[in-house]
Amino acid sequence: MQLSTETFVHLNQLRRGQMAVVEEVDCQGTEGAHLASMGLSVGCVLQVLMPGTPCAVAVGETRLMLRCEQCRAIRVSPL
């Protein structure tokens, strides 16, 4: 069963403590590769540690601080 993209939200719409599955990372070039190298890629599960700008997320044991434009480029399915 494939989910409709209408069920996806941007990362910056999640609340503190909320978990989600990454469905799309719309970052091109080295920025997208850099995020992927830190574990943030399609299919991974993340948890919002600190919403806002910047946004802090946990991907496994990795903690990432993301800028506002990065958060808007990441679409997730909330769990």
C-alpha atoms as a PDB file:
ATOM      1  CA  MET A   1       0.000   0.000   0.000  1.00  0.00           C
ATOM      2  CA  GLN A   2       1.436   3.361  -1.024  1.00  0.00           C
ATOM      3  CA  LEU A   3       0.722   6.436   1.073  1.00  0.00           C
ATOM      4  CA  SER A   4      -0.565   9.584  -0.565  1.00  0.00           C
ATOM      5  CA  THR A   5       1.912  12.454  -0.465  1.00  0.00           C
ATOM      6  CA  GLU A   6      -0.920  14.441   1.143  1.00  0.00           C
ATOM      7  CA  THR A   7      -0.215  12.539   4.384  1.00  0.00           C
ATOM      8  CA  PHE A   8       3.361  13.834   4.420  1.00  0.00           C
ATOM      9  CA  VAL A   9       4.304  16.980   6.336  1.00  0.00           C
ATOM     10  CA  HIS A  10       7.424  19.111   6.382  1.00  0.00           C
ATOM     11  CA  LEU A  11       9.841  18.381   9.207  1.00  0.00           C
ATOM     12  CA  ASN A  12       9.324  21.868  10.649  1.00  0.00           C
ATOM     13  CA  GLN A  13       5.658  20.995  11.344  1.00  0.00           C
ATOM     14  CA  LEU A  14       6.486  18.363  13.970  1.00  0.00           C
ATOM     15  CA  ARG A  15       6.415  18.906  17.747  1.00  0.00           C
ATOM     16  CA  ARG A  16       9.095  18.179  20.347  1.00  0.00           C
ATOM     17  CA  GLY A  17       9.397  14.436  20.941  1.00  0.00           C
ATOM     18  CA  GLN A  18       7.429  13.494  17.839  1.00  0.00           C
ATOM     19  CA  MET A  19       8.817  10.699  15.678  1.00  0.00           C
ATOM     20  CA  ALA A  20       8.489  10.325  11.920  1.00  0.00           C
ATOM     21  CA  VAL A  21       9.705   8.393   8.898  1.00  0.00           C
ATOM     22  CA  VAL A  22      11.530  10.426   6.252  1.00  0.00           C
ATOM     23  CA  GLU A  23       9.677  10.174   2.929  1.00  0.00           C
ATOM     24  CA  GLU A  24      11.491  12.783   0.821  1.00  0.00           C
ATOM     25  CA  VAL A  25      14.689  14.821   1.086  1.00  0.00           C
ATOM     26  CA  ASP A  26      14.622  17.610  -1.487  1.00  0.00           C
ATOM     27  CA  CYS A  27      18.231  18.751  -1.090  1.00  0.00           C
ATOM     28  CA  GLN A  28      20.461  18.593  -4.124  1.00  0.00           C
ATOM     29  CA  GLY A  29      24.163  18.090  -4.567  1.00  0.00           C
ATOM     30  CA  THR A  30      26.559  18.103  -1.666  1.00  0.00           C
ATOM     31  CA  GLU A  31      23.938  19.186   0.882  1.00  0.00           C
ATOM     32  CA  GLY A  32      21.770  16.129   0.183  1.00  0.00           C
ATOM     33  CA  ALA A  33      24.822  13.864   0.207  1.00  0.00           C
ATOM     34  CA  HIS A  34      25.998  15.391   3.490  1.00  0.00           C
ATOM     35  CA  LEU A  35      22.616  14.777   5.170  1.00  0.00           C
ATOM     36  CA  ALA A  36      22.559  11.205   3.841  1.00  0.00           C
ATOM     37  CA  SER A  37      26.082  10.572   5.145  1.00  0.00           C
ATOM     38  CA  MET A  38      24.833  11.501   8.628  1.00  0.00           C
ATOM     39  CA  GLY A  39      21.936   9.052   8.346  1.00  0.00           C
ATOM     40  CA  LEU A  40      19.146  11.405   7.280  1.00  0.00           C
ATOM     41  CA  SER A  41      17.752   9.732   4.183  1.00  0.00           C
ATOM     42  CA  VAL A  42      14.478   8.344   2.849  1.00  0.00           C
ATOM     43  CA  GLY A  43      13.174   5.564   5.086  1.00  0.00           C
ATOM     44  CA  CYS A  44      14.991   6.544   8.262  1.00  0.00           C
ATOM     45  CA  VAL A  45      13.139   7.203  11.511  1.00  0.00           C
ATOM     46  CA  LEU A  46      13.884  10.453  13.323  1.00  0.00           C
ATOM     47  CA  GLN A  47      12.756  12.177  16.501  1.00  0.00           C
ATOM     48  CA  VAL A  48      12.404  15.927  16.968  1.00  0.00           C
ATOM     49  CA  LEU A  49      14.493  17.020  19.938  1.00  0.00           C
ATOM     50  CA  MET A  50      13.960  20.757  19.530  1.00  0.00           C
ATOM     51  CA  PRO A  51      11.491  22.250  17.045  1.00  0.00           C
ATOM     52  CA  GLY A  52      12.030  25.705  15.618  1.00  0.00           C
ATOM     53  CA  THR A  53      14.947  27.365  13.894  1.00  0.00           C
ATOM     54  CA  PRO A  54      17.354  25.709  14.028  1.00  0.00           C
ATOM     55  CA  CYS A  55      15.641  22.355  14.531  1.00  0.00           C
ATOM     56  CA  ALA A  56      17.388  19.521  16.392  1.00  0.00           C
ATOM     57  CA  VAL A  57      16.614  15.923  15.439  1.00  0.00           C
ATOM     58  CA  ALA A  58      17.918  12.512  16.414  1.00  0.00           C
ATOM     59  CA  VAL A  59      18.555   9.926  13.725  1.00  0.00           C
ATOM     60  CA  GLY A  60      19.646   6.807  15.575  1.00  0.00           C
ATOM     61  CA  GLU A  61      22.552   7.890  17.779  1.00  0.00           C
ATOM     62  CA  THR A  62      23.278  10.951  15.607  1.00  0.00           C
ATOM     63  CA  ARG A  63      22.054  14.418  16.620  1.00  0.00           C
ATOM     64  CA  LEU A  64      21.598  16.972  13.838  1.00  0.00           C
ATOM     65  CA  MET A  65      20.866  20.703  13.832  1.00  0.00           C
ATOM     66  CA  LEU A  66      19.011  21.722  10.685  1.00  0.00           C
ATOM     67  CA  ARG A  67      18.390  25.178   9.246  1.00  0.00           C
ATOM     68  CA  CYS A  68      14.863  26.323   8.418  1.00  0.00           C
ATOM     69  CA  GLU A  69      15.273  25.764   4.664  1.00  0.00           C
ATOM     70  CA  GLN A  70      16.556  22.219   5.293  1.00  0.00           C
ATOM     71  CA  CYS A  71      13.507  21.444   7.466  1.00  0.00           C
ATOM     72  CA  ARG A  72      11.189  22.640   4.708  1.00  0.00           C
ATOM     73  CA  ALA A  73      13.011  20.379   2.213  1.00  0.00           C
ATOM     74  CA  ILE A  74      12.398  17.245   4.312  1.00  0.00           C
ATOM     75  CA  ARG A  75       8.952  15.639   4.153  1.00  0.00           C
ATOM     76  CA  VAL A  76       7.988  13.010   6.692  1.00  0.00           C
ATOM     77  CA  SER A  77       5.172  10.686   7.774  1.00  0.00           C
ATOM     78  CA  PRO A  78       4.504  11.263  11.491  1.00  0.00           C
ATOM     79  CA  LEU A  79       4.363   8.127  13.650  1.00  0.00           C
END
